[in-house]
Amino acid sequence: MNEVVGRDDLLLVTLDTLRFDVACELAAAGRIPNLARHLPAGRWEERHAPGSFTYASHQAIFAGFLPTPAAQGPHPRLFAARFGGSESTAAGTFVYDTPDLVSGLAAAGYRTVCVGGVGFFDRRGALGSVLPGMFQESHWEPEFGVASPVSFEAQIARAEQVVAGLDRERRLFLFVNVAALHQPNWFHRPGATQEAGDTRATHAAALEYVDRHIGRLFTAASSRRRCFAIVCSDHGTAYGDDGWSGHRLGHPSVWTVPYAHFFLEHGTAS
């Protein structure tokens, strides 16, 4: 990452609440072709989330603790704050002297931009101001939120505006929190009803919705130069698994998440 930071633009996409098993099933079945073609060997990596809900997980991610490989470590990290005794800081780790990755990248000359999705990025409230407040520039509108059937399309349109308005010589760290997978997601599956509620199938349909549009985001992110992209879930969610529903709880459906990182070459087409 010491070669990447300062040379390439950076994109971090959190597919909020996406389950690992659903992500893998759809990739194997060819139902998310736009994501799958960028995944190493066409597969998601199995990792463990650093938190069981959005706020906790993103606090950790922004401190440099991305989801951890699902095997015994220590595992070298891509990013880390400088502190003594860290077993996961390696020679290739980008080390910063600020409290979090976002300000560390800003200190390295990046324009840091957040396009929020779920309520923890809604700056109309004090708690919703904490995470986006780390960034030099942040965006959130109700149309980006969980109740919007076109949330991801609206987020991408704003990201495209951000990229188009930035000095071409300025490096960009763009973060997008995708709200479409989070409940309610029933409206993404044809024939589903609000009365029946969200299901694992509507969760999968929401991921297909995201896949139909994510190429636009990749195109925008790589429109100025090569871009290093991280796409992952911050946590999963339970749909009746072993009697559990929702998240902010300790179940494998919550802790196990999909992860991938890859380069988007300059001019990646959607």
Protein backbone atom coordinates (compact mmCIF):
# COMPACT_ATOMS: atom_id res chain seq x y z
CA MET A 1 0.00 0.00 0.00
CA ASN A 2 2.97 2.33 0.35
CA GLU A 3 3.28 2.17 -3.45
CA VAL A 4 -0.46 2.60 -4.00
CA VAL A 5 -1.12 5.50 -1.64
CA GLY A 6 -0.09 8.74 -3.32
CA ARG A 7 -0.13 7.18 -6.79
CA ASP A 8 -3.67 5.82 -7.26
CA ASP A 9 -7.14 6.95 -6.32
CA LEU A 10 -8.86 4.87 -3.63
CA LEU A 11 -12.43 3.57 -3.45
CA LEU A 12 -13.98 1.90 -0.41
CA VAL A 13 -17.48 0.46 -0.84
CA THR A 14 -19.29 -1.12 2.10
CA LEU A 15 -22.27 -3.18 1.01
CA ASP A 16 -24.06 -2.62 4.28
CA THR A 17 -25.54 -5.79 5.85
CA LEU A 18 -24.56 -8.12 2.98
CA ARG A 19 -24.37 -11.78 3.99
CA PHE A 20 -21.38 -13.86 2.89
CA ASP A 21 -23.44 -16.89 1.85
CA VAL A 22 -25.82 -14.85 -0.29
CA ALA A 23 -22.94 -13.00 -1.94
CA CYS A 24 -21.20 -16.29 -2.78
CA GLU A 25 -24.34 -17.99 -4.07
CA LEU A 26 -25.12 -15.14 -6.44
CA ALA A 27 -21.54 -14.93 -7.72
CA ALA A 28 -21.46 -18.71 -8.40
CA ALA A 29 -24.83 -18.58 -10.17
CA GLY A 30 -23.80 -15.72 -12.45
CA ARG A 31 -26.36 -13.36 -10.93
CA ILE A 32 -23.91 -10.54 -10.11
CA PRO A 33 -21.71 -10.44 -13.23
CA ASN A 34 -20.52 -6.87 -12.84
CA LEU A 35 -19.12 -7.52 -9.38
CA ALA A 36 -17.92 -11.05 -10.11
CA ARG A 37 -15.70 -10.04 -13.00
CA HIS A 38 -13.61 -7.95 -10.62
CA LEU A 39 -13.40 -10.51 -7.82
CA PRO A 40 -10.10 -12.42 -7.69
CA ALA A 41 -10.85 -15.77 -9.41
CA GLY A 42 -14.49 -14.65 -9.49
CA ARG A 43 -14.94 -15.39 -5.79
CA TRP A 44 -15.50 -13.45 -2.60
CA GLU A 45 -13.01 -13.90 0.21
CA GLU A 46 -14.49 -15.07 3.51
CA ARG A 47 -13.70 -12.66 6.33
CA HIS A 48 -14.87 -11.77 9.83
CA ALA A 49 -16.49 -8.40 10.42
CA PRO A 50 -14.86 -6.06 12.96
CA GLY A 51 -18.31 -5.25 14.38
CA SER A 52 -21.83 -6.63 14.42
CA PHE A 53 -23.57 -3.44 13.27
CA THR A 54 -22.81 -0.44 11.08
CA TYR A 55 -21.51 2.08 13.59
CA ALA A 56 -19.11 -0.26 15.39
CA SER A 57 -17.84 -1.85 12.21
CA HIS A 58 -17.18 1.43 10.42
CA GLN A 59 -15.39 2.91 13.42
CA ALA A 60 -13.02 -0.06 13.18
CA ILE A 61 -12.72 0.09 9.39
CA PHE A 62 -11.88 3.79 9.49
CA ALA A 63 -9.22 2.99 12.09
CA GLY A 64 -7.62 0.62 9.56
CA PHE A 65 -9.19 -2.61 10.79
CA LEU A 66 -10.84 -4.00 7.65
CA PRO A 67 -12.67 -7.32 7.92
CA THR A 68 -10.20 -10.00 9.02
CA PRO A 69 -9.43 -13.14 6.94
CA ALA A 70 -11.32 -16.11 8.38
CA ALA A 71 -8.23 -18.04 9.43
CA GLN A 72 -5.75 -17.82 12.27
CA GLY A 73 -3.51 -14.75 12.00
CA PRO A 74 -1.90 -12.42 12.52
CA HIS A 75 -2.81 -11.07 9.08
CA PRO A 76 -0.87 -8.09 7.67
CA ARG A 77 -3.14 -5.07 7.28
CA LEU A 78 -3.34 -2.68 4.36
CA PHE A 79 -3.61 0.37 6.62
CA ALA A 80 -2.64 1.00 10.23
CA ALA A 81 -2.13 3.84 12.65
CA ARG A 82 1.38 3.94 14.06
CA PHE A 83 1.52 2.31 17.48
CA GLY A 84 4.01 0.11 19.23
CA GLY A 85 3.53 -3.64 19.39
CA SER A 86 1.15 -3.99 16.44
CA GLU A 87 1.40 -7.56 15.15
CA SER A 88 -0.58 -6.83 11.99
CA THR A 89 1.52 -3.88 10.76
CA ALA A 90 3.86 -5.18 8.06
CA ALA A 91 6.37 -3.79 5.58
CA GLY A 92 3.66 -3.18 2.97
CA THR A 93 1.22 -1.53 5.37
CA PHE A 94 0.48 2.17 4.84
CA VAL A 95 1.16 3.60 8.30
CA TYR A 96 -0.23 6.98 9.31
CA ASP A 97 0.31 9.20 12.33
CA THR A 98 -3.28 10.38 12.72
CA PRO A 99 -6.05 8.66 14.74
CA ASP A 100 -7.84 7.22 11.71
CA LEU A 101 -7.33 6.21 8.10
CA VAL A 102 -9.47 9.02 6.69
CA SER A 103 -7.39 11.79 8.25
CA GLY A 104 -4.24 9.81 7.45
CA LEU A 105 -5.11 9.85 3.77
CA ALA A 106 -6.01 13.53 3.97
CA ALA A 107 -2.55 14.19 5.42
CA ALA A 108 -1.12 12.29 2.43
CA GLY A 109 -2.85 14.74 0.07
CA TYR A 110 -6.11 12.95 -0.67
CA ARG A 111 -9.49 14.60 -0.96
CA THR A 112 -11.66 12.47 1.34
CA VAL A 113 -15.32 12.15 0.36
CA CYS A 114 -18.15 10.19 1.97
CA VAL A 115 -21.39 9.30 0.19
CA GLY A 116 -23.47 7.89 3.02
CA GLY A 117 -26.36 5.47 2.99
CA VAL A 118 -27.79 4.09 6.24
CA GLY A 119 -28.88 6.25 9.17
CA PHE A 120 -25.43 6.41 10.80
CA PHE A 121 -24.45 8.71 7.90
CA ASP A 122 -27.51 10.96 8.18
CA ARG A 123 -26.03 14.21 9.47
CA ARG A 124 -29.40 15.56 10.58
CA GLY A 125 -28.67 14.01 13.98
CA ALA A 126 -25.64 14.19 16.24
CA LEU A 127 -24.85 10.46 16.13
CA GLY A 128 -25.26 10.40 12.37
CA SER A 129 -22.64 13.15 12.11
CA VAL A 130 -19.79 11.19 13.72
CA LEU A 131 -18.72 8.94 10.83
CA PRO A 132 -19.21 11.40 7.96
CA GLY A 133 -17.56 14.06 10.14
CA MET A 134 -14.23 12.29 9.60
CA PHE A 135 -14.28 13.30 5.93
CA GLN A 136 -13.43 16.61 4.30
CA GLU A 137 -16.64 16.34 2.29
CA SER A 138 -19.74 14.27 2.98
CA HIS A 139 -23.09 13.74 1.29
CA TRP A 140 -26.36 12.26 2.48
CA GLU A 141 -29.96 12.69 1.36
CA PRO A 142 -33.12 10.71 2.13
CA GLU A 143 -32.95 9.32 -1.42
CA PHE A 144 -29.63 7.65 -0.46
CA GLY A 145 -31.20 5.91 2.53
CA VAL A 146 -32.64 2.49 3.33
CA ALA A 147 -36.24 3.36 2.43
CA SER A 148 -35.41 4.46 -1.12
CA PRO A 149 -35.86 1.88 -3.92
CA VAL A 150 -33.35 3.87 -6.02
CA SER A 151 -30.82 4.57 -3.27
CA PHE A 152 -27.75 3.22 -5.04
CA GLU A 153 -28.51 4.98 -8.31
CA ALA A 154 -28.85 8.26 -6.41
CA GLN A 155 -25.59 7.65 -4.57
CA ILE A 156 -23.74 6.92 -7.80
CA ALA A 157 -25.07 10.11 -9.40
CA ARG A 158 -23.64 12.11 -6.49
CA ALA A 159 -20.32 10.26 -6.68
CA GLU A 160 -20.11 11.06 -10.38
CA GLN A 161 -20.64 14.75 -9.59
CA VAL A 162 -17.89 14.63 -6.95
CA VAL A 163 -15.39 13.04 -9.31
CA ALA A 164 -16.24 15.41 -12.15
CA GLY A 165 -15.75 18.46 -9.93
CA LEU A 166 -12.37 17.49 -8.49
CA ASP A 167 -9.04 18.83 -9.71
CA ARG A 168 -7.58 16.07 -11.86
CA GLU A 169 -4.22 16.27 -10.08
CA ARG A 170 -5.77 15.79 -6.64
CA ARG A 171 -5.90 12.21 -5.40
CA LEU A 172 -9.32 10.99 -4.21
CA PHE A 173 -10.41 8.69 -1.42
CA LEU A 174 -14.07 7.99 -2.14
CA PHE A 175 -16.15 6.06 0.38
CA VAL A 176 -19.66 4.83 -0.44
CA ASN A 177 -21.89 3.13 2.14
CA VAL A 178 -24.48 1.22 0.12
CA ALA A 179 -27.84 1.11 1.91
CA ALA A 180 -29.78 -1.08 -0.53
CA LEU A 181 -29.08 -4.43 1.21
CA HIS A 182 -30.21 -3.17 4.61
CA GLN A 183 -33.79 -3.66 5.67
CA PRO A 184 -36.26 -2.77 4.28
CA ASN A 185 -35.26 -4.49 1.05
CA TRP A 186 -38.50 -6.25 0.09
CA PHE A 187 -39.17 -3.76 -2.71
CA HIS A 188 -36.19 -5.00 -4.72
CA ARG A 189 -37.85 -8.33 -5.52
CA PRO A 190 -40.76 -8.29 -8.00
CA GLY A 191 -43.91 -9.62 -6.38
CA ALA A 192 -42.69 -9.19 -2.79
CA THR A 193 -44.90 -7.19 -0.43
CA GLN A 194 -44.30 -4.99 2.56
CA GLU A 195 -46.70 -7.17 4.56
CA ALA A 196 -44.57 -10.26 3.92
CA GLY A 197 -41.46 -8.30 4.83
CA ASP A 198 -37.81 -8.87 4.10
CA THR A 199 -36.43 -12.34 3.39
CA ARG A 200 -33.17 -13.88 2.33
CA ALA A 201 -34.57 -13.80 -1.23
CA THR A 202 -35.28 -10.06 -1.13
CA HIS A 203 -31.79 -9.54 0.33
CA ALA A 204 -30.41 -11.37 -2.72
CA ALA A 205 -32.58 -9.29 -5.05
CA ALA A 206 -31.13 -6.14 -3.47
CA LEU A 207 -27.62 -7.35 -4.28
CA GLU A 208 -28.67 -7.95 -7.88
CA TYR A 209 -29.98 -4.38 -7.95
CA VAL A 210 -26.62 -3.11 -6.72
CA ASP A 211 -24.78 -5.19 -9.31
CA ARG A 212 -26.83 -3.72 -12.16
CA HIS A 213 -25.50 -0.27 -11.35
CA ILE A 214 -22.08 -0.69 -9.73
CA GLY A 215 -20.29 -0.53 -13.06
CA ARG A 216 -21.11 3.19 -13.19
CA LEU A 217 -19.40 3.69 -9.84
CA PHE A 218 -16.32 1.76 -10.97
CA THR A 219 -16.19 3.81 -14.17
CA ALA A 220 -16.35 7.09 -12.25
CA ALA A 221 -13.76 5.99 -9.70
CA SER A 222 -11.26 5.04 -12.41
CA SER A 223 -12.00 7.93 -14.77
CA ARG A 224 -8.96 10.01 -13.71
CA ARG A 225 -6.31 7.35 -13.06
CA ARG A 226 -5.97 3.79 -11.79
CA CYS A 227 -8.02 3.16 -8.67
CA PHE A 228 -7.48 0.67 -5.85
CA ALA A 229 -10.91 -0.58 -4.77
CA ILE A 230 -12.06 -2.37 -1.64
CA VAL A 231 -15.58 -3.84 -1.71
CA CYS A 232 -16.84 -5.59 1.39
CA SER A 233 -19.68 -5.95 3.85
CA ASP A 234 -19.51 -4.34 7.27
CA HIS A 235 -21.62 -7.11 8.83
CA GLY A 236 -24.28 -9.60 7.80
CA THR A 237 -27.80 -10.12 9.07
CA ALA A 238 -29.92 -13.08 10.16
CA TYR A 239 -33.17 -14.12 8.52
CA GLY A 240 -34.36 -16.67 11.05
CA ASP A 241 -31.03 -18.49 11.18
CA ASP A 242 -31.11 -20.73 14.28
CA GLY A 243 -34.02 -18.63 15.47
CA TRP A 244 -32.14 -15.32 15.13
CA SER A 245 -33.22 -12.28 13.12
CA GLY A 246 -31.43 -9.01 12.45
CA HIS A 247 -27.90 -8.04 13.48
CA ARG A 248 -26.01 -6.52 16.44
CA LEU A 249 -25.83 -10.09 17.70
CA GLY A 250 -23.24 -12.87 17.75
CA HIS A 251 -24.21 -15.29 14.98
CA PRO A 252 -22.16 -16.52 11.98
CA SER A 253 -24.66 -14.94 9.59
CA VAL A 254 -23.68 -11.58 11.11
CA TRP A 255 -19.95 -12.04 11.69
CA THR A 256 -19.11 -13.71 8.36
CA VAL A 257 -18.79 -11.23 5.49
CA PRO A 258 -17.63 -11.08 1.86
CA TYR A 259 -14.52 -9.10 0.98
CA ALA A 260 -12.49 -8.26 -2.12
CA HIS A 261 -9.88 -5.76 -3.19
CA PHE A 262 -8.63 -5.16 -6.71
CA PHE A 263 -7.38 -2.51 -9.10
CA LEU A 264 -9.68 -0.67 -11.48
CA GLU A 265 -7.50 0.30 -14.42
CA HIS A 266 -7.82 3.83 -15.74
CA GLY A 267 -10.87 4.04 -17.97
CA THR A 268 -12.66 0.94 -16.67
CA ALA A 269 -15.91 0.70 -18.65
CA SER A 270 -19.23 0.07 -16.98
